[in-house]
Amino acid sequence: MSASKPAAEAPSAGRGLVTGTRYAFVCRGPHCTRRDSRLLRDQLRDIVAARGTPDAVVSSYPCFGLCDDGPNAFVYPDAVWYSDLSQRDLEGLAEHLATGAPHVEKQVHPDVTLTENVIENIRESWDLMAKRAKRGFRLWPFGK
């Protein structure tokens, strides 16, 4: 992804996850959505795009299962979790995407198995979307 492109929401040009790119996945499960996770995701996208942060993608994830702590986000490939996000946390999260330095105040540490499962699901989903895009199928609307 070049610096001139805004933060993407799905694989482009038939590519899956790109090495050297940081991805912020914001939960869009029902509990997080009730706590404005979709609005936060959209605002984070806007901040990342306004900064011109190269190699950053902001997308959604169906549900992390950390419902009591939401809204939640996961930064890949850094494997860093954030919970109880609000608008005031978005600059710190955008900074993490730009520099790799986690926003420590909202960082949490769920169990390793959950992290491994989420990473596997992200890789499989994005690889599948990339394959479908190459064959001309409509991409799954991750960011919607």
C-alpha atoms as a PDB file:
ATOM      1  CA  MET A   1       0.000   0.000   0.000  1.00  0.00           C
ATOM      2  CA  SER A   2       1.423   3.366  -0.914  1.00  0.00           C
ATOM      3  CA  ALA A   3       1.369   6.501   1.204  1.00  0.00           C
ATOM      4  CA  SER A   4      -1.133   8.091  -1.169  1.00  0.00           C
ATOM      5  CA  LYS A   5      -3.804   5.459  -0.528  1.00  0.00           C
ATOM      6  CA  PRO A   6      -6.123   5.887   2.438  1.00  0.00           C
ATOM      7  CA  ALA A   7      -6.443   3.174   5.029  1.00  0.00           C
ATOM      8  CA  ALA A   8      -8.014   0.260   3.203  1.00  0.00           C
ATOM      9  CA  GLU A   9     -10.821  -1.930   4.393  1.00  0.00           C
ATOM     10  CA  ALA A  10     -10.299  -5.094   2.364  1.00  0.00           C
ATOM     11  CA  PRO A  11      -7.636  -6.764   0.226  1.00  0.00           C
ATOM     12  CA  SER A  12      -7.068  -4.859  -2.975  1.00  0.00           C
ATOM     13  CA  ALA A  13      -5.974  -6.148  -6.356  1.00  0.00           C
ATOM     14  CA  GLY A  14      -6.522  -9.724  -5.211  1.00  0.00           C
ATOM     15  CA  ARG A  15      -3.910  -9.563  -2.449  1.00  0.00           C
ATOM     16  CA  GLY A  16      -4.344 -11.060   0.964  1.00  0.00           C
ATOM     17  CA  LEU A  17      -2.437  -9.852   4.006  1.00  0.00           C
ATOM     18  CA  VAL A  18       0.628  -7.872   2.981  1.00  0.00           C
ATOM     19  CA  THR A  19       3.967  -8.218   4.778  1.00  0.00           C
ATOM     20  CA  GLY A  20       5.028  -4.923   6.328  1.00  0.00           C
ATOM     21  CA  THR A  21       1.447  -3.710   6.743  1.00  0.00           C
ATOM     22  CA  ARG A  22      -0.217  -3.240  10.124  1.00  0.00           C
ATOM     23  CA  TYR A  23      -3.901  -4.073  10.338  1.00  0.00           C
ATOM     24  CA  ALA A  24      -6.310  -2.823  12.991  1.00  0.00           C
ATOM     25  CA  PHE A  25      -9.355  -5.071  13.261  1.00  0.00           C
ATOM     26  CA  VAL A  26     -12.206  -3.487  15.204  1.00  0.00           C
ATOM     27  CA  CYS A  27     -14.898  -5.770  16.590  1.00  0.00           C
ATOM     28  CA  ARG A  28     -18.314  -5.481  14.980  1.00  0.00           C
ATOM     29  CA  GLY A  29     -20.073  -7.967  17.232  1.00  0.00           C
ATOM     30  CA  PRO A  30     -23.411  -6.939  18.740  1.00  0.00           C
ATOM     31  CA  HIS A  31     -22.062  -5.792  22.121  1.00  0.00           C
ATOM     32  CA  CYS A  32     -19.238  -3.729  20.623  1.00  0.00           C
ATOM     33  CA  THR A  33     -21.550  -2.318  17.948  1.00  0.00           C
ATOM     34  CA  ARG A  34     -23.935  -1.088  20.662  1.00  0.00           C
ATOM     35  CA  ARG A  35     -20.916   0.703  22.121  1.00  0.00           C
ATOM     36  CA  ASP A  36     -20.218   2.464  18.797  1.00  0.00           C
ATOM     37  CA  SER A  37     -17.431   0.217  17.489  1.00  0.00           C
ATOM     38  CA  ARG A  38     -18.414   0.853  13.863  1.00  0.00           C
ATOM     39  CA  LEU A  39     -18.269   4.601  14.392  1.00  0.00           C
ATOM     40  CA  LEU A  40     -14.889   4.217  16.104  1.00  0.00           C
ATOM     41  CA  ARG A  41     -13.643   2.072  13.204  1.00  0.00           C
ATOM     42  CA  ASP A  42     -14.744   4.704  10.685  1.00  0.00           C
ATOM     43  CA  GLN A  43     -13.158   7.502  12.707  1.00  0.00           C
ATOM     44  CA  LEU A  44      -9.913   5.519  13.037  1.00  0.00           C
ATOM     45  CA  ARG A  45      -9.922   5.026   9.254  1.00  0.00           C
ATOM     46  CA  ASP A  46     -10.319   8.779   8.805  1.00  0.00           C
ATOM     47  CA  ILE A  47      -7.465   9.560  11.215  1.00  0.00           C
ATOM     48  CA  VAL A  48      -5.135   7.056   9.536  1.00  0.00           C
ATOM     49  CA  ALA A  49      -6.030   8.418   6.087  1.00  0.00           C
ATOM     50  CA  ALA A  50      -5.574  12.045   7.214  1.00  0.00           C
ATOM     51  CA  ARG A  51      -2.136  11.195   8.620  1.00  0.00           C
ATOM     52  CA  GLY A  52      -1.222   9.557   5.319  1.00  0.00           C
ATOM     53  CA  THR A  53      -0.001   6.532   7.237  1.00  0.00           C
ATOM     54  CA  PRO A  54       1.478   4.132   4.705  1.00  0.00           C
ATOM     55  CA  ASP A  55       1.046   0.416   5.203  1.00  0.00           C
ATOM     56  CA  ALA A  56      -1.939   0.665   7.539  1.00  0.00           C
ATOM     57  CA  VAL A  57      -5.316  -0.994   7.084  1.00  0.00           C
ATOM     58  CA  VAL A  58      -8.381  -0.503   9.284  1.00  0.00           C
ATOM     59  CA  SER A  59     -11.030  -3.193   9.027  1.00  0.00           C
ATOM     60  CA  SER A  60     -13.622  -5.100  11.036  1.00  0.00           C
ATOM     61  CA  TYR A  61     -13.716  -8.482  12.696  1.00  0.00           C
ATOM     62  CA  PRO A  62     -17.026 -10.314  13.279  1.00  0.00           C
ATOM     63  CA  CYS A  63     -16.626 -10.794  17.050  1.00  0.00           C
ATOM     64  CA  PHE A  64     -13.658 -11.418  19.338  1.00  0.00           C
ATOM     65  CA  GLY A  65     -15.798 -12.783  22.171  1.00  0.00           C
ATOM     66  CA  LEU A  66     -14.514 -10.197  24.657  1.00  0.00           C
ATOM     67  CA  CYS A  67     -17.980  -8.668  24.855  1.00  0.00           C
ATOM     68  CA  ASP A  68     -17.858  -7.344  28.412  1.00  0.00           C
ATOM     69  CA  ASP A  69     -14.720  -5.327  27.621  1.00  0.00           C
ATOM     70  CA  GLY A  70     -15.682  -3.741  24.290  1.00  0.00           C
ATOM     71  CA  PRO A  71     -15.323  -2.026  22.022  1.00  0.00           C
ATOM     72  CA  ASN A  72     -12.283  -4.146  21.198  1.00  0.00           C
ATOM     73  CA  ALA A  73      -9.583  -4.006  18.540  1.00  0.00           C
ATOM     74  CA  PHE A  74      -6.702  -6.235  17.523  1.00  0.00           C
ATOM     75  CA  VAL A  75      -3.550  -5.075  15.726  1.00  0.00           C
ATOM     76  CA  TYR A  76      -2.005  -7.620  13.375  1.00  0.00           C
ATOM     77  CA  PRO A  77       0.761  -8.764  13.003  1.00  0.00           C
ATOM     78  CA  ASP A  78       1.793  -7.230  16.344  1.00  0.00           C
ATOM     79  CA  ALA A  79      -0.800  -9.368  18.195  1.00  0.00           C
ATOM     80  CA  VAL A  80      -1.749  -6.419  20.409  1.00  0.00           C
ATOM     81  CA  TRP A  81      -5.244  -6.206  21.884  1.00  0.00           C
ATOM     82  CA  TYR A  82      -7.174  -3.120  22.959  1.00  0.00           C
ATOM     83  CA  SER A  83     -10.383  -2.996  24.984  1.00  0.00           C
ATOM     84  CA  ASP A  84     -12.827  -0.397  26.249  1.00  0.00           C
ATOM     85  CA  LEU A  85     -11.970   1.876  23.323  1.00  0.00           C
ATOM     86  CA  SER A  86     -13.393   5.363  22.982  1.00  0.00           C
ATOM     87  CA  GLN A  87     -12.812   8.345  20.703  1.00  0.00           C
ATOM     88  CA  ARG A  88     -10.021   9.596  22.944  1.00  0.00           C
ATOM     89  CA  ASP A  89      -8.050   6.369  22.255  1.00  0.00           C
ATOM     90  CA  LEU A  90      -8.079   6.617  18.472  1.00  0.00           C
ATOM     91  CA  GLU A  91      -5.007   8.864  18.140  1.00  0.00           C
ATOM     92  CA  GLY A  92      -2.995   6.372  20.210  1.00  0.00           C
ATOM     93  CA  LEU A  93      -4.241   3.476  18.101  1.00  0.00           C
ATOM     94  CA  ALA A  94      -3.417   5.400  14.904  1.00  0.00           C
ATOM     95  CA  GLU A  95       0.049   6.069  16.317  1.00  0.00           C
ATOM     96  CA  HIS A  96       0.474   2.332  16.922  1.00  0.00           C
ATOM     97  CA  LEU A  97      -0.405   1.663  13.282  1.00  0.00           C
ATOM     98  CA  ALA A  98       2.113   4.286  12.163  1.00  0.00           C
ATOM     99  CA  THR A  99       5.032   3.435  14.458  1.00  0.00           C
ATOM    100  CA  GLY A 100       4.452  -0.009  15.948  1.00  0.00           C
ATOM    101  CA  ALA A 101       4.457   1.423  19.482  1.00  0.00           C
ATOM    102  CA  PRO A 102       1.385   0.134  21.354  1.00  0.00           C
ATOM    103  CA  HIS A 103      -1.015   2.505  23.101  1.00  0.00           C
ATOM    104  CA  VAL A 104      -0.299   1.001  26.503  1.00  0.00           C
ATOM    105  CA  GLU A 105      -3.218   2.557  28.423  1.00  0.00           C
ATOM    106  CA  LYS A 106      -5.859   0.436  26.637  1.00  0.00           C
ATOM    107  CA  GLN A 107      -3.729  -2.610  25.878  1.00  0.00           C
ATOM    108  CA  VAL A 108      -4.999  -5.907  27.280  1.00  0.00           C
ATOM    109  CA  HIS A 109      -3.676  -9.463  27.281  1.00  0.00           C
ATOM    110  CA  PRO A 110      -6.315 -12.116  26.510  1.00  0.00           C
ATOM    111  CA  ASP A 111      -5.273 -15.728  26.560  1.00  0.00           C
ATOM    112  CA  VAL A 112      -2.821 -16.991  23.968  1.00  0.00           C
ATOM    113  CA  THR A 113      -5.294 -19.450  22.430  1.00  0.00           C
ATOM    114  CA  LEU A 114      -7.726 -16.645  21.569  1.00  0.00           C
ATOM    115  CA  THR A 115      -4.910 -14.655  19.964  1.00  0.00           C
ATOM    116  CA  GLU A 116      -3.764 -17.659  17.920  1.00  0.00           C
ATOM    117  CA  ASN A 117      -7.333 -18.399  16.789  1.00  0.00           C
ATOM    118  CA  VAL A 118      -7.955 -14.785  15.746  1.00  0.00           C
ATOM    119  CA  ILE A 119      -4.682 -14.673  13.792  1.00  0.00           C
ATOM    120  CA  GLU A 120      -5.564 -17.915  12.012  1.00  0.00           C
ATOM    121  CA  ASN A 121      -9.077 -16.637  11.177  1.00  0.00           C
ATOM    122  CA  ILE A 122      -7.720 -13.343   9.847  1.00  0.00           C
ATOM    123  CA  ARG A 123      -5.173 -15.081   7.626  1.00  0.00           C
ATOM    124  CA  GLU A 124      -7.694 -17.585   6.278  1.00  0.00           C
ATOM    125  CA  SER A 125     -10.383 -14.949   5.636  1.00  0.00           C
ATOM    126  CA  TRP A 126      -8.082 -12.520   3.873  1.00  0.00           C
ATOM    127  CA  ASP A 127      -6.478 -15.274   1.778  1.00  0.00           C
ATOM    128  CA  LEU A 128      -9.940 -16.467   0.734  1.00  0.00           C
ATOM    129  CA  MET A 129     -11.017 -12.937  -0.180  1.00  0.00           C
ATOM    130  CA  ALA A 130      -7.867 -12.448  -2.233  1.00  0.00           C
ATOM    131  CA  LYS A 131      -8.472 -15.691  -4.143  1.00  0.00           C
ATOM    132  CA  ARG A 132     -12.081 -14.734  -4.802  1.00  0.00           C
ATOM    133  CA  ALA A 133     -11.062 -11.262  -5.985  1.00  0.00           C
ATOM    134  CA  LYS A 134      -8.584 -12.766  -8.455  1.00  0.00           C
ATOM    135  CA  ARG A 135     -11.424 -14.855  -9.904  1.00  0.00           C
ATOM    136  CA  GLY A 136     -13.657 -11.787 -10.211  1.00  0.00           C
ATOM    137  CA  PHE A 137     -15.943 -12.437  -7.264  1.00  0.00           C
ATOM    138  CA  ARG A 138     -17.131  -9.536  -5.117  1.00  0.00           C
ATOM    139  CA  LEU A 139     -15.058  -9.136  -1.986  1.00  0.00           C
ATOM    140  CA  TRP A 140     -16.645  -9.906   1.347  1.00  0.00           C
ATOM    141  CA  PRO A 141     -17.453  -6.472   2.787  1.00  0.00           C
ATOM    142  CA  PHE A 142     -15.179  -6.683   5.841  1.00  0.00           C
ATOM    143  CA  GLY A 143     -15.453  -2.977   6.536  1.00  0.00           C
ATOM    144  CA  LYS A 144     -19.264  -2.803   6.377  1.00  0.00           C
END
